[in-house]
Amino acid sequence: MFDKWCKRCGICIELCSRNVFMADLDGYPRPAKPVECNLCGFCITRCPDFALRVVESKAKDPAGQTIL
């Protein structure tokens, strides 16, 4: 997430079919449920400010799933 580029429009929050994002107190989208992300990239292609990027992490949650 590139906060300097994000205008907090909420498009990524609304369009994510997996409900990964949630707005923080300042209105910036944050990955609230990163394990739900399937790395489809739809949020990236729809962001009018090019403020998002998706990277896969090697970190695992307690269930053994990859955390973004």
Protein backbone atom coordinates (compact mmCIF):
# COMPACT_ATOMS: atom_id res chain seq x y z
CA MET A 1 0.00 0.00 0.00
CA PHE A 2 1.35 3.36 -1.00
CA ASP A 3 -0.39 5.75 1.40
CA LYS A 4 0.93 8.83 -0.39
CA TRP A 5 -0.86 7.76 -3.58
CA CYS A 6 -4.10 6.53 -2.00
CA LYS A 7 -6.99 9.00 -1.97
CA ARG A 8 -9.08 6.69 0.25
CA CYS A 9 -11.83 6.15 -2.31
CA GLY A 10 -12.66 2.68 -0.95
CA ILE A 11 -12.89 1.02 -4.35
CA CYS A 12 -10.58 -1.80 -3.26
CA ILE A 13 -12.65 -2.37 -0.13
CA GLU A 14 -15.92 -2.51 -2.05
CA LEU A 15 -14.71 -4.63 -4.97
CA CYS A 16 -12.75 -7.30 -3.11
CA SER A 17 -14.84 -10.45 -3.37
CA ARG A 18 -12.94 -11.98 -0.45
CA ASN A 19 -13.50 -8.97 1.88
CA VAL A 20 -9.80 -8.72 2.62
CA PHE A 21 -9.70 -4.97 3.20
CA MET A 22 -11.10 -2.76 5.92
CA ALA A 23 -10.65 0.99 6.31
CA ASP A 24 -8.46 2.10 9.19
CA LEU A 25 -9.31 5.12 11.35
CA ASP A 26 -7.91 7.46 8.70
CA GLY A 27 -9.87 5.77 5.91
CA TYR A 28 -6.94 3.95 4.34
CA PRO A 29 -7.60 0.37 3.25
CA ARG A 30 -5.74 -2.20 5.30
CA PRO A 31 -5.70 -5.99 4.91
CA ALA A 32 -7.96 -7.01 7.77
CA LYS A 33 -8.15 -10.64 6.62
CA PRO A 34 -4.98 -11.25 4.60
CA VAL A 35 -5.34 -15.03 4.69
CA GLU A 36 -8.52 -14.65 2.62
CA CYS A 37 -6.62 -13.05 -0.27
CA ASN A 38 -6.17 -15.36 -3.26
CA LEU A 39 -3.73 -12.98 -5.00
CA CYS A 40 -6.15 -12.37 -7.89
CA GLY A 41 -4.94 -8.77 -8.30
CA PHE A 42 -8.41 -7.34 -8.96
CA CYS A 43 -7.86 -4.63 -6.34
CA ILE A 44 -4.67 -3.58 -8.11
CA THR A 45 -6.29 -3.30 -11.52
CA ARG A 46 -9.21 -1.27 -10.17
CA CYS A 47 -7.25 1.17 -8.00
CA PRO A 48 -7.37 4.52 -9.83
CA ASP A 49 -4.29 5.73 -7.94
CA PHE A 50 -2.07 2.66 -8.46
CA ALA A 51 -1.66 2.67 -4.68
CA LEU A 52 -1.88 -1.08 -4.11
CA ARG A 53 0.47 -3.94 -4.58
CA VAL A 54 0.05 -7.55 -3.59
CA VAL A 55 2.98 -9.60 -2.41
CA GLU A 56 3.00 -13.10 -1.08
CA SER A 57 4.57 -13.56 2.31
CA LYS A 58 6.33 -16.57 3.72
CA ALA A 59 4.67 -15.96 7.10
CA LYS A 60 2.07 -18.48 8.21
CA ASP A 61 -0.97 -18.10 10.43
CA PRO A 62 -1.70 -20.65 13.21
CA ALA A 63 -3.60 -22.83 10.71
CA GLY A 64 -0.55 -22.94 8.44
CA GLN A 65 -1.94 -20.67 5.72
CA THR A 66 0.23 -18.02 4.09
CA ILE A 67 -0.27 -14.48 5.41
CA LEU A 68 0.13 -11.62 2.95
